[in-house]
């Protein structure tokens, strides 16, 4: 039975708060008699964009060094949203390091049968990727509808960025569209 755990918490937007995940995970660890050996907390880090990879590599390295016996997460989609292959690969790497990944919201992750956990992990990874894809489609559809209705799309006039923008991607596309519209 594991005695030391690490906590993984990630939030991807300003509206979310890791303060919701951390206390629940600490209580869950205490109920299971686990000592919290490490916490990996990421605020406003998108798993879809891979902004969590550096911290994830650190957690995996610590697992390989035996610094904790189990990684606990609020939900599996807090670790990865890249789809089935990516999530299963990640769960497999932790398993190979001798560290299972347990999820508070998916209690089946604690099952004794690793094949069943792998099957259910694949299903949940697919669902998380689909949820992310559908959310993106809804946002794009809403923006297209507002544009078709002649309503403003994007930031309000006078708003400022929190960090410098890259000159590629949507910003470059916006500049091209603006130039052709003139």
Protein backbone atom coordinates (compact mmCIF):
# COMPACT_ATOMS: atom_id res chain seq x y z
CA UNK A 1 0.00 0.00 0.00
CA UNK A 2 1.38 3.43 -0.95
CA UNK A 3 2.43 5.69 1.91
CA UNK A 4 3.62 8.85 0.11
CA UNK A 5 1.82 10.71 -2.61
CA UNK A 6 2.28 13.64 -4.91
CA UNK A 7 -0.56 15.96 -5.83
CA UNK A 8 -1.06 17.17 -9.40
CA UNK A 9 -3.38 20.14 -9.94
CA UNK A 10 -3.80 22.18 -13.12
CA UNK A 11 -6.23 24.90 -14.07
CA UNK A 12 -6.35 26.34 -17.55
CA UNK A 13 -8.40 29.53 -17.21
CA UNK A 14 -8.75 32.52 -14.92
CA UNK A 15 -12.28 31.34 -14.04
CA UNK A 16 -10.94 28.10 -12.57
CA UNK A 17 -9.03 27.97 -9.32
CA UNK A 18 -6.51 25.37 -8.17
CA UNK A 19 -7.68 26.35 -4.68
CA UNK A 20 -10.68 24.10 -5.34
CA UNK A 21 -8.57 21.08 -6.25
CA UNK A 22 -5.75 21.26 -3.70
CA UNK A 23 -7.81 21.10 -0.46
CA UNK A 24 -9.92 18.21 -1.80
CA UNK A 25 -6.81 16.29 -2.85
CA UNK A 26 -5.09 16.90 0.50
CA UNK A 27 -8.19 15.64 2.35
CA UNK A 28 -8.40 12.62 0.06
CA UNK A 29 -4.73 11.82 0.74
CA UNK A 30 -5.29 12.17 4.51
CA UNK A 31 -8.32 9.84 4.41
CA UNK A 32 -6.13 7.23 2.71
CA UNK A 33 -3.29 7.70 5.17
CA UNK A 34 -0.97 9.15 2.53
CA UNK A 35 1.72 11.67 3.36
CA UNK A 36 1.93 14.43 0.72
CA UNK A 37 5.56 14.39 -0.44
CA UNK A 38 5.21 16.83 -3.36
CA UNK A 39 2.71 19.13 -5.03
CA UNK A 40 2.77 20.04 -8.70
CA UNK A 41 0.42 22.98 -9.19
CA UNK A 42 -0.04 24.82 -12.49
CA UNK A 43 -2.25 27.87 -12.86
CA UNK A 44 -3.58 28.87 -16.26
CA UNK A 45 -1.68 26.13 -18.08
CA UNK A 46 -3.37 24.49 -21.05
CA UNK A 47 -2.85 20.74 -21.32
CA UNK A 48 -4.00 20.96 -24.93
CA UNK A 49 -1.19 23.39 -25.77
CA UNK A 50 1.34 21.39 -23.75
CA UNK A 51 2.12 24.18 -21.29
CA UNK A 52 2.29 21.60 -18.53
CA UNK A 53 5.03 19.41 -20.05
CA UNK A 54 7.96 20.83 -18.09
CA UNK A 55 6.22 20.31 -14.75
CA UNK A 56 5.04 16.88 -15.90
CA UNK A 57 8.61 15.87 -16.74
CA UNK A 58 9.65 16.94 -13.23
CA UNK A 59 6.83 14.89 -11.67
CA UNK A 60 7.84 11.87 -13.73
CA UNK A 61 11.52 12.29 -12.81
CA UNK A 62 10.59 12.49 -9.12
CA UNK A 63 8.48 9.34 -9.54
CA UNK A 64 11.45 7.50 -11.05
CA UNK A 65 13.60 8.64 -8.13
CA UNK A 66 11.08 7.13 -5.70
CA UNK A 67 10.11 10.42 -4.05
CA UNK A 68 6.48 9.31 -3.87
CA UNK A 69 4.44 6.13 -4.34
CA UNK A 70 1.26 7.38 -6.03
CA UNK A 71 0.29 10.50 -8.00
CA UNK A 72 -3.15 11.79 -7.14
CA UNK A 73 -5.12 14.08 -9.42
CA UNK A 74 -8.53 15.72 -9.22
CA UNK A 75 -9.46 14.24 -12.64
CA UNK A 76 -7.45 12.60 -15.42
CA UNK A 77 -8.12 15.48 -17.82
CA UNK A 78 -6.09 17.70 -15.48
CA UNK A 79 -2.97 15.80 -16.62
CA UNK A 80 -3.58 15.56 -20.35
CA UNK A 81 -6.17 16.41 -23.02
CA UNK A 82 -4.24 15.29 -26.08
CA UNK A 83 -6.29 12.14 -26.60
CA UNK A 84 -6.11 8.43 -25.96
CA UNK A 85 -2.57 7.70 -27.14
CA UNK A 86 -1.02 10.58 -25.24
CA UNK A 87 -2.91 9.93 -21.99
CA UNK A 88 -2.27 6.18 -22.04
CA UNK A 89 1.41 6.77 -22.76
CA UNK A 90 1.63 9.12 -19.82
CA UNK A 91 -0.20 6.74 -17.46
CA UNK A 92 2.06 3.94 -18.69
CA UNK A 93 5.24 5.97 -18.00
CA UNK A 94 4.11 6.62 -14.42
CA UNK A 95 3.20 2.93 -14.03
CA UNK A 96 6.65 1.90 -15.33
CA UNK A 97 8.19 4.23 -12.73
CA UNK A 98 6.26 2.25 -10.09
CA UNK A 99 3.79 5.07 -9.46
CA UNK A 100 0.10 4.56 -10.22
CA UNK A 101 -2.07 7.60 -10.99
CA UNK A 102 -5.25 7.85 -8.92
CA UNK A 103 -8.07 10.24 -9.75
CA UNK A 104 -10.49 11.63 -7.19
CA UNK A 105 -13.27 11.93 -9.78
CA UNK A 106 -12.58 8.56 -11.45
CA UNK A 107 -12.40 6.03 -8.59
CA UNK A 108 -11.83 3.14 -11.02
CA UNK A 109 -8.19 4.35 -11.31
CA UNK A 110 -7.51 2.60 -8.00
CA UNK A 111 -8.50 -0.78 -9.39
CA UNK A 112 -6.17 -3.72 -8.84
CA UNK A 113 -6.46 -4.78 -12.51
CA UNK A 114 -4.15 -2.57 -14.63
CA UNK A 115 -5.77 -3.80 -17.89
CA UNK A 116 -9.17 -2.55 -16.78
CA UNK A 117 -7.64 0.76 -15.72
CA UNK A 118 -5.98 1.05 -19.14
CA UNK A 119 -9.26 0.37 -20.95
CA UNK A 120 -11.19 2.90 -18.87
CA UNK A 121 -8.30 5.37 -19.14
CA UNK A 122 -8.54 5.18 -22.94
CA UNK A 123 -12.27 5.87 -22.78
CA UNK A 124 -11.88 8.84 -20.44
CA UNK A 125 -8.99 10.26 -22.47
CA UNK A 126 -11.13 10.12 -25.61
CA UNK A 127 -14.00 11.83 -23.79
CA UNK A 128 -11.71 14.62 -22.52
CA UNK A 129 -10.30 15.26 -26.00
CA UNK A 130 -13.80 15.30 -27.50
CA UNK A 131 -15.05 17.69 -24.82
CA UNK A 132 -12.18 20.04 -25.60
CA UNK A 133 -12.84 19.81 -29.35
CA UNK A 134 -16.58 20.47 -28.91
CA UNK A 135 -15.92 23.45 -26.65
CA UNK A 136 -13.65 24.92 -29.31
CA UNK A 137 -16.32 24.36 -31.99
CA UNK A 138 -18.96 26.10 -29.83
CA UNK A 139 -16.72 29.12 -29.29
CA UNK A 140 -15.94 29.39 -33.02
CA UNK A 141 -19.64 29.05 -33.91
CA UNK A 142 -20.55 31.76 -31.41
CA UNK A 143 -17.91 34.11 -32.80
CA UNK A 144 -19.07 33.44 -36.37
CA UNK A 145 -22.69 34.12 -35.36
CA UNK A 146 -21.75 37.42 -33.71
CA UNK A 147 -19.75 38.43 -36.77
CA UNK A 148 -22.68 37.57 -39.10
CA UNK A 149 -25.00 39.66 -36.90
CA UNK A 150 -22.61 42.59 -37.19
CA UNK A 151 -21.79 42.52 -33.50
CA UNK A 152 -18.27 43.14 -32.22
CA UNK A 153 -15.98 40.15 -31.98
CA UNK A 154 -12.84 40.06 -29.85
CA UNK A 155 -11.48 42.36 -27.22
CA UNK A 156 -13.10 45.62 -26.30
CA UNK A 157 -11.46 48.75 -27.56
CA UNK A 158 -8.79 49.95 -25.16
CA UNK A 159 -8.18 46.59 -23.48
CA UNK A 160 -4.56 45.59 -23.07
CA UNK A 161 -2.78 42.27 -23.24
CA UNK A 162 -1.32 40.68 -20.14
CA UNK A 163 1.68 39.46 -22.07
CA UNK A 164 3.21 40.35 -25.44
CA UNK A 165 1.55 38.71 -28.44
CA UNK A 166 3.37 36.62 -30.96
CA UNK A 167 3.33 37.98 -34.48
CA UNK A 168 2.06 34.65 -35.83
CA UNK A 169 -1.18 32.73 -35.76
CA UNK A 170 -4.44 34.56 -35.20
CA UNK A 171 -2.79 37.97 -34.83
CA UNK A 172 -1.10 37.72 -38.25
CA UNK A 173 -4.37 36.43 -39.75
CA UNK A 174 -6.23 39.40 -38.23
CA UNK A 175 -3.71 41.83 -39.74
CA UNK A 176 -4.11 40.20 -43.19
CA UNK A 177 -7.92 40.34 -42.97
CA UNK A 178 -7.79 43.97 -41.88
CA UNK A 179 -5.46 44.85 -44.77
CA UNK A 180 -7.69 43.15 -47.37
CA UNK A 181 -10.84 44.76 -45.94
CA UNK A 182 -9.38 48.27 -46.39
